[in-house]
Amino acid sequence: MAERNRLLVLGIDCAEYSMLREFWKDLPNFNSTFREPRPYSTTVPPITIPAWLTIFSGFNPGWFGLYDVKVREPGTYTSFRLFIS
């Protein structure tokens, strides 16, 4: 039987990198992954909804036109409503 390549995608949502480093010292597999500095980045804006859409689709938030879970009411700058699909 042919060997399969496997991929694990672990999403640690809303976690700041500096905070996670404190916990990784107790987790050897994660610690080895992040031992050397690498260029990690997120979406702009760094918000859950557009970030997950980008991860799974490969498109940036502008492609979806979805930047947050709130939508500005037309003609205003201060009135918002929740985004409903």
C-alpha atoms as a PDB file:
ATOM      1  CA  MET A   1       0.000   0.000   0.000  1.00  0.00           C
ATOM      2  CA  ALA A   2       1.345   3.445  -0.917  1.00  0.00           C
ATOM      3  CA  GLU A   3       2.362   5.794   1.862  1.00  0.00           C
ATOM      4  CA  ARG A   4       0.046   8.763   2.292  1.00  0.00           C
ATOM      5  CA  ASN A   5       1.099  12.262   3.190  1.00  0.00           C
ATOM      6  CA  ARG A   6      -0.874  13.658   6.071  1.00  0.00           C
ATOM      7  CA  LEU A   7      -1.577  17.191   7.134  1.00  0.00           C
ATOM      8  CA  LEU A   8      -2.938  18.448  10.408  1.00  0.00           C
ATOM      9  CA  VAL A   9      -4.379  21.948  10.505  1.00  0.00           C
ATOM     10  CA  LEU A  10      -4.591  23.183  14.058  1.00  0.00           C
ATOM     11  CA  GLY A  11      -6.404  26.460  14.499  1.00  0.00           C
ATOM     12  CA  ILE A  12      -5.686  28.264  17.726  1.00  0.00           C
ATOM     13  CA  ASP A  13      -8.197  31.030  17.392  1.00  0.00           C
ATOM     14  CA  CYS A  14      -7.744  34.391  19.139  1.00  0.00           C
ATOM     15  CA  ALA A  15      -4.444  33.385  20.711  1.00  0.00           C
ATOM     16  CA  GLU A  16      -1.546  35.815  20.818  1.00  0.00           C
ATOM     17  CA  TYR A  17       1.813  34.298  19.838  1.00  0.00           C
ATOM     18  CA  SER A  18       3.672  35.598  22.918  1.00  0.00           C
ATOM     19  CA  MET A  19       1.076  34.033  25.201  1.00  0.00           C
ATOM     20  CA  LEU A  20       1.252  30.654  23.461  1.00  0.00           C
ATOM     21  CA  ARG A  21       5.049  30.472  23.722  1.00  0.00           C
ATOM     22  CA  GLU A  22       4.664  30.205  27.494  1.00  0.00           C
ATOM     23  CA  PHE A  23       2.600  27.019  27.141  1.00  0.00           C
ATOM     24  CA  TRP A  24       4.589  25.427  24.302  1.00  0.00           C
ATOM     25  CA  LYS A  25       7.578  24.742  26.537  1.00  0.00           C
ATOM     26  CA  ASP A  26       5.503  21.935  28.085  1.00  0.00           C
ATOM     27  CA  LEU A  27       4.473  20.547  24.682  1.00  0.00           C
ATOM     28  CA  PRO A  28       7.580  19.143  22.947  1.00  0.00           C
ATOM     29  CA  ASN A  29       6.065  18.737  19.475  1.00  0.00           C
ATOM     30  CA  PHE A  30       4.781  22.295  19.377  1.00  0.00           C
ATOM     31  CA  ASN A  31       7.954  23.587  20.941  1.00  0.00           C
ATOM     32  CA  SER A  32      10.081  22.056  18.165  1.00  0.00           C
ATOM     33  CA  THR A  33       7.803  23.542  15.520  1.00  0.00           C
ATOM     34  CA  PHE A  34       8.197  27.068  16.861  1.00  0.00           C
ATOM     35  CA  ARG A  35      11.783  26.893  18.125  1.00  0.00           C
ATOM     36  CA  GLU A  36      13.140  28.842  15.166  1.00  0.00           C
ATOM     37  CA  PRO A  37      11.524  32.176  14.227  1.00  0.00           C
ATOM     38  CA  ARG A  38       9.408  31.918  11.100  1.00  0.00           C
ATOM     39  CA  PRO A  39       7.264  34.472   9.322  1.00  0.00           C
ATOM     40  CA  TYR A  40       3.773  33.820  10.667  1.00  0.00           C
ATOM     41  CA  SER A  41       1.000  36.108   9.601  1.00  0.00           C
ATOM     42  CA  THR A  42      -2.730  36.417   9.626  1.00  0.00           C
ATOM     43  CA  THR A  43      -5.390  38.092   7.548  1.00  0.00           C
ATOM     44  CA  VAL A  44      -6.148  41.788   7.509  1.00  0.00           C
ATOM     45  CA  PRO A  45      -8.211  42.342   9.541  1.00  0.00           C
ATOM     46  CA  PRO A  46      -7.077  39.673  12.043  1.00  0.00           C
ATOM     47  CA  ILE A  47     -10.601  38.540  12.883  1.00  0.00           C
ATOM     48  CA  THR A  48     -11.959  34.993  13.153  1.00  0.00           C
ATOM     49  CA  ILE A  49     -14.485  34.956  10.314  1.00  0.00           C
ATOM     50  CA  PRO A  50     -12.282  36.288   7.481  1.00  0.00           C
ATOM     51  CA  ALA A  51      -9.260  34.342   8.759  1.00  0.00           C
ATOM     52  CA  TRP A  52     -10.993  30.942   8.601  1.00  0.00           C
ATOM     53  CA  LEU A  53     -12.500  31.691   5.192  1.00  0.00           C
ATOM     54  CA  THR A  54      -9.015  32.560   3.924  1.00  0.00           C
ATOM     55  CA  ILE A  55      -7.448  29.420   5.393  1.00  0.00           C
ATOM     56  CA  PHE A  56      -9.894  27.082   3.715  1.00  0.00           C
ATOM     57  CA  SER A  57     -10.407  28.896   0.421  1.00  0.00           C
ATOM     58  CA  GLY A  58      -7.083  30.601  -0.284  1.00  0.00           C
ATOM     59  CA  PHE A  59      -8.885  33.852  -1.073  1.00  0.00           C
ATOM     60  CA  ASN A  60      -8.353  37.040   0.901  1.00  0.00           C
ATOM     61  CA  PRO A  61     -11.217  38.745   2.792  1.00  0.00           C
ATOM     62  CA  GLY A  62     -11.665  41.263  -0.023  1.00  0.00           C
ATOM     63  CA  TRP A  63     -12.706  38.486  -2.383  1.00  0.00           C
ATOM     64  CA  PHE A  64     -15.600  37.633  -0.070  1.00  0.00           C
ATOM     65  CA  GLY A  65     -16.272  41.226   0.980  1.00  0.00           C
ATOM     66  CA  LEU A  66     -16.491  39.942   4.536  1.00  0.00           C
ATOM     67  CA  TYR A  67     -14.268  41.748   7.020  1.00  0.00           C
ATOM     68  CA  ASP A  68     -16.159  41.303  10.273  1.00  0.00           C
ATOM     69  CA  VAL A  69     -19.308  39.818  11.761  1.00  0.00           C
ATOM     70  CA  LYS A  70     -20.833  43.283  11.820  1.00  0.00           C
ATOM     71  CA  VAL A  71     -22.115  45.218   8.833  1.00  0.00           C
ATOM     72  CA  ARG A  72     -22.358  48.994   8.820  1.00  0.00           C
ATOM     73  CA  GLU A  73     -25.856  50.301   8.284  1.00  0.00           C
ATOM     74  CA  PRO A  74     -26.066  52.093   4.924  1.00  0.00           C
ATOM     75  CA  GLY A  75     -25.425  55.825   5.178  1.00  0.00           C
ATOM     76  CA  THR A  76     -23.965  55.707   8.693  1.00  0.00           C
ATOM     77  CA  TYR A  77     -20.565  55.354  10.341  1.00  0.00           C
ATOM     78  CA  THR A  78     -21.697  54.393  13.819  1.00  0.00           C
ATOM     79  CA  SER A  79     -24.714  52.124  13.370  1.00  0.00           C
ATOM     80  CA  PHE A  80     -23.979  48.397  12.912  1.00  0.00           C
ATOM     81  CA  ARG A  81     -25.933  45.189  12.612  1.00  0.00           C
ATOM     82  CA  LEU A  82     -24.774  41.573  12.709  1.00  0.00           C
ATOM     83  CA  PHE A  83     -23.873  39.906   9.439  1.00  0.00           C
ATOM     84  CA  ILE A  84     -26.467  37.271   8.510  1.00  0.00           C
ATOM     85  CA  SER A  85     -25.840  35.061   5.499  1.00  0.00           C
END
